[in-house]
C-alpha atoms as a PDB file:
ATOM      1  CA  MET A   1      49.321  25.252  61.204  1.00  0.00           C
ATOM      2  CA  ALA A   2      50.697  28.544  59.730  1.00  0.00           C
ATOM      3  CA  ALA A   3      54.218  27.590  60.820  1.00  0.00           C
ATOM      4  CA  ALA A   4      53.907  24.230  59.018  1.00  0.00           C
ATOM      5  CA  PHE A   5      52.644  25.906  55.878  1.00  0.00           C
ATOM      6  CA  ALA A   6      55.585  28.446  56.006  1.00  0.00           C
ATOM      7  CA  LEU A   7      58.010  25.590  56.387  1.00  0.00           C
ATOM      8  CA  ILE A   8      56.593  23.710  53.412  1.00  0.00           C
ATOM      9  CA  LEU A   9      56.583  26.901  51.260  1.00  0.00           C
ATOM     10  CA  SER A  10      60.144  27.657  52.312  1.00  0.00           C
ATOM     11  CA  ALA A  11      61.204  24.130  51.269  1.00  0.00           C
ATOM     12  CA  ALA A  12      59.486  24.429  47.869  1.00  0.00           C
ATOM     13  CA  ILE A  13      61.253  27.781  47.218  1.00  0.00           C
ATOM     14  CA  THR A  14      64.569  26.250  48.109  1.00  0.00           C
ATOM     15  CA  VAL A  15      64.034  23.373  45.644  1.00  0.00           C
ATOM     16  CA  ASP A  16      63.189  25.893  42.876  1.00  0.00           C
ATOM     17  CA  ALA A  17      66.228  27.971  43.697  1.00  0.00           C
ATOM     18  CA  GLN A  18      68.677  25.141  43.183  1.00  0.00           C
ATOM     19  CA  SER A  19      70.947  25.552  40.227  1.00  0.00           C
ATOM     20  CA  PRO A  20      70.488  23.466  37.098  1.00  0.00           C
ATOM     21  CA  LYS A  21      72.543  20.385  36.541  1.00  0.00           C
ATOM     22  CA  LYS A  22      76.057  21.360  35.282  1.00  0.00           C
ATOM     23  CA  ILE A  23      77.446  20.150  31.991  1.00  0.00           C
ATOM     24  CA  ARG A  24      80.903  18.947  32.998  1.00  0.00           C
ATOM     25  CA  VAL A  25      83.575  19.150  30.277  1.00  0.00           C
ATOM     26  CA  VAL A  26      87.324  18.858  29.894  1.00  0.00           C
ATOM     27  CA  LEU A  27      88.986  21.462  27.781  1.00  0.00           C
ATOM     28  CA  ASP A  28      92.060  20.410  25.812  1.00  0.00           C
ATOM     29  CA  VAL A  29      93.639  23.006  23.526  1.00  0.00           C
ATOM     30  CA  ARG A  30      96.694  22.295  21.456  1.00  0.00           C
ATOM     31  CA  GLY A  31      98.625  23.660  18.450  1.00  0.00           C
ATOM     32  CA  GLU A  32     102.032  23.878  16.918  1.00  0.00           C
ATOM     33  CA  ASN A  33     102.361  27.472  18.255  1.00  0.00           C
ATOM     34  CA  ALA A  34     102.289  27.133  22.071  1.00  0.00           C
ATOM     35  CA  GLY A  35     101.597  30.930  22.452  1.00  0.00           C
ATOM     36  CA  LEU A  36      98.545  30.729  20.187  1.00  0.00           C
ATOM     37  CA  ALA A  37      97.248  27.605  21.966  1.00  0.00           C
ATOM     38  CA  ALA A  38      97.663  29.361  25.317  1.00  0.00           C
ATOM     39  CA  ARG A  39      95.824  32.488  24.220  1.00  0.00           C
ATOM     40  CA  LEU A  40      92.989  30.457  22.580  1.00  0.00           C
ATOM     41  CA  MET A  41      92.763  28.266  25.741  1.00  0.00           C
ATOM     42  CA  ALA A  42      92.416  31.328  27.956  1.00  0.00           C
ATOM     43  CA  ASP A  43      89.731  32.916  25.678  1.00  0.00           C
ATOM     44  CA  VAL A  44      87.744  29.757  25.274  1.00  0.00           C
ATOM     45  CA  ARG A  45      87.917  29.090  28.999  1.00  0.00           C
ATOM     46  CA  LYS A  46      86.619  32.591  29.780  1.00  0.00           C
ATOM     47  CA  GLU A  47      83.763  32.212  27.284  1.00  0.00           C
ATOM     48  CA  LEU A  48      82.752  28.746  28.600  1.00  0.00           C
ATOM     49  CA  GLN A  49      82.907  29.964  32.237  1.00  0.00           C
ATOM     50  CA  SER A  50      80.445  32.712  31.306  1.00  0.00           C
ATOM     51  CA  ILE A  51      77.798  30.067  30.584  1.00  0.00           C
ATOM     52  CA  GLY A  52      76.108  29.302  33.802  1.00  0.00           C
ATOM     53  CA  ASP A  53      75.506  25.557  33.397  1.00  0.00           C
ATOM     54  CA  VAL A  54      78.978  24.565  32.032  1.00  0.00           C
ATOM     55  CA  GLU A  55      81.701  23.507  34.365  1.00  0.00           C
ATOM     56  CA  LEU A  56      85.299  22.996  33.296  1.00  0.00           C
ATOM     57  CA  VAL A  57      86.874  19.974  35.035  1.00  0.00           C
ATOM     58  CA  ALA A  58      90.207  18.254  35.163  1.00  0.00           C
ATOM     59  CA  PRO A  59      90.895  15.296  32.709  1.00  0.00           C
ATOM     60  CA  GLY A  60      89.340  12.148  34.103  1.00  0.00           C
ATOM     61  CA  ASP A  61      86.477  13.984  35.835  1.00  0.00           C
ATOM     62  CA  SER A  62      84.139  13.930  32.892  1.00  0.00           C
ATOM     63  CA  PRO A  63      83.620  11.578  29.958  1.00  0.00           C
ATOM     64  CA  ARG A  64      83.102  14.600  27.704  1.00  0.00           C
ATOM     65  CA  THR A  65      86.096  16.493  26.204  1.00  0.00           C
ATOM     66  CA  LEU A  66      86.321  19.547  24.044  1.00  0.00           C
ATOM     67  CA  ARG A  67      89.540  19.071  21.930  1.00  0.00           C
ATOM     68  CA  VAL A  68      90.651  22.179  20.163  1.00  0.00           C
ATOM     69  CA  LEU A  69      93.401  22.302  17.584  1.00  0.00           C
ATOM     70  CA  ALA A  70      94.735  25.806  16.946  1.00  0.00           C
ATOM     71  CA  GLY A  71      96.489  27.038  13.855  1.00  0.00           C
ATOM     72  CA  GLU A  72      97.500  30.252  12.190  1.00  0.00           C
ATOM     73  CA  GLY A  73      98.729  31.391   8.841  1.00  0.00           C
ATOM     74  CA  GLY A  74      98.602  34.436   6.585  1.00  0.00           C
ATOM     75  CA  GLY A  75      96.971  36.628   9.269  1.00  0.00           C
ATOM     76  CA  LEU A  76      94.175  34.163   9.943  1.00  0.00           C
ATOM     77  CA  TYR A  77      93.509  32.025  12.935  1.00  0.00           C
ATOM     78  CA  ALA A  78      91.685  28.721  12.936  1.00  0.00           C
ATOM     79  CA  ALA A  79      90.272  26.445  15.646  1.00  0.00           C
ATOM     80  CA  SER A  80      89.023  22.961  14.957  1.00  0.00           C
ATOM     81  CA  VAL A  81      87.044  21.503  17.796  1.00  0.00           C
ATOM     82  CA  LEU A  82      86.028  17.922  18.358  1.00  0.00           C
ATOM     83  CA  VAL A  83      83.497  17.194  21.127  1.00  0.00           C
ATOM     84  CA  THR A  84      84.200  13.577  22.292  1.00  0.00           C
ATOM     85  CA  GLU A  85      82.631  11.317  24.840  1.00  0.00           C
ATOM     86  CA  ARG A  86      83.443   8.001  26.429  1.00  0.00           C
ATOM     87  CA  TYR A  87      80.974   5.269  26.987  1.00  0.00           C
ATOM     88  CA  ASP A  88      80.092   4.469  30.553  1.00  0.00           C
ATOM     89  CA  ARG A  89      79.228   1.091  31.922  1.00  0.00           C
ATOM     90  CA  GLU A  90      75.554   1.829  32.365  1.00  0.00           C
ATOM     91  CA  THR A  91      75.150   2.869  28.749  1.00  0.00           C
ATOM     92  CA  LEU A  92      76.946  -0.259  27.520  1.00  0.00           C
ATOM     93  CA  MET A  93      74.621  -2.424  29.640  1.00  0.00           C
ATOM     94  CA  VAL A  94      71.581  -0.766  28.059  1.00  0.00           C
ATOM     95  CA  LEU A  95      73.080  -1.461  24.638  1.00  0.00           C
ATOM     96  CA  GLY A  96      73.429  -5.124  25.608  1.00  0.00           C
ATOM     97  CA  ILE A  97      77.192  -5.344  26.085  1.00  0.00           C
ATOM     98  CA  GLU A  98      77.613  -7.300  29.250  1.00  0.00           C
ATOM     99  CA  ASP A  99      81.070  -8.920  28.575  1.00  0.00           C
ATOM    100  CA  ASP A 100      83.636  -7.151  30.749  1.00  0.00           C
ATOM    101  CA  ASP A 101      86.504  -7.466  28.260  1.00  0.00           C
ATOM    102  CA  THR A 102      84.387  -5.909  25.467  1.00  0.00           C
ATOM    103  CA  ALA A 103      82.979  -3.284  27.742  1.00  0.00           C
ATOM    104  CA  ASN A 104      86.488  -2.270  28.968  1.00  0.00           C
ATOM    105  CA  ARG A 105      87.638  -1.865  25.339  1.00  0.00           C
ATOM    106  CA  MET A 106      84.582   0.201  24.434  1.00  0.00           C
ATOM    107  CA  MET A 107      84.969   2.477  27.530  1.00  0.00           C
ATOM    108  CA  ALA A 108      88.500   3.325  26.286  1.00  0.00           C
ATOM    109  CA  LEU A 109      87.125   4.714  23.029  1.00  0.00           C
ATOM    110  CA  GLN A 110      86.309   8.317  22.386  1.00  0.00           C
ATOM    111  CA  ILE A 111      83.132   8.850  20.375  1.00  0.00           C
ATOM    112  CA  VAL A 112      82.914  12.032  18.318  1.00  0.00           C
ATOM    113  CA  ASN A 113      79.625  13.894  18.924  1.00  0.00           C
ATOM    114  CA  ASP A 114      80.431  17.146  17.116  1.00  0.00           C
ATOM    115  CA  HIS A 115      83.077  18.721  14.913  1.00  0.00           C
ATOM    116  CA  GLN A 116      83.404  22.365  14.055  1.00  0.00           C
ATOM    117  CA  ILE A 117      85.925  24.671  12.470  1.00  0.00           C
ATOM    118  CA  VAL A 118      86.023  28.421  13.104  1.00  0.00           C
ATOM    119  CA  THR A 119      88.371  30.916  11.437  1.00  0.00           C
ATOM    120  CA  GLY A 120      89.018  34.619  11.890  1.00  0.00           C
ATOM    121  CA  THR A 121      91.460  37.398  12.060  1.00  0.00           C
ATOM    122  CA  ASP A 122      91.341  37.749  15.880  1.00  0.00           C
ATOM    123  CA  VAL A 123      91.924  34.963  18.394  1.00  0.00           C
ATOM    124  CA  SER A 124      89.314  36.205  20.902  1.00  0.00           C
ATOM    125  CA  ASP A 125      86.754  36.479  18.137  1.00  0.00           C
ATOM    126  CA  VAL A 126      87.438  32.937  17.101  1.00  0.00           C
ATOM    127  CA  ALA A 127      86.947  31.792  20.705  1.00  0.00           C
ATOM    128  CA  LYS A 128      83.682  33.712  21.123  1.00  0.00           C
ATOM    129  CA  ARG A 129      82.204  32.320  17.874  1.00  0.00           C
ATOM    130  CA  LEU A 130      83.443  28.794  18.697  1.00  0.00           C
ATOM    131  CA  VAL A 131      81.813  28.793  22.149  1.00  0.00           C
ATOM    132  CA  ALA A 132      78.593  30.449  20.819  1.00  0.00           C
ATOM    133  CA  SER A 133      78.343  27.716  18.190  1.00  0.00           C
ATOM    134  CA  LEU A 134      78.898  24.997  20.832  1.00  0.00           C
ATOM    135  CA  ASN A 135      76.299  26.684  23.174  1.00  0.00           C
ATOM    136  CA  THR A 136      73.610  26.694  20.530  1.00  0.00           C
ATOM    137  CA  GLY A 137      74.546  23.197  19.144  1.00  0.00           C
ATOM    138  CA  ILE A 138      75.909  20.330  21.151  1.00  0.00           C
ATOM    139  CA  LEU A 139      75.479  22.043  24.579  1.00  0.00           C
ATOM    140  CA  ALA A 140      71.836  22.952  23.829  1.00  0.00           C
ATOM    141  CA  ARG A 141      71.179  19.265  22.914  1.00  0.00           C
ATOM    142  CA  LEU A 142      72.773  18.113  26.189  1.00  0.00           C
ATOM    143  CA  ARG A 143      70.434  20.432  28.168  1.00  0.00           C
ATOM    144  CA  ARG A 144      67.327  18.546  26.964  1.00  0.00           C
END
């Protein structure tokens, strides 16, 4: 009896120890200045990876994309981010769209869920503030 209880308790602890569901996102950073875009990409990637429940994936592996446009001028750096998402077939069925042709067209669309602009005098500071804003905004809503 004690062995069975220990086994059940062990299974319950294992279930509780499982990590929370990951928020899978694609990161796409672009800009006229390739060096700036690369620096911002590296800094945003580092900040996102420090969030335990966010997983960066390759394009096509998630319907959710963080599209960042980087710019600079006059000693200031700017990052504009659009958080987009594609419809999936299940959602369209719930919405009552059963026609395959219409569903395929809608699944090709990108729906904007969030838009933010962050500026600053340091690229890494812009990346930190951008990710902090996403973490307390759209990512917090996705965790519910």
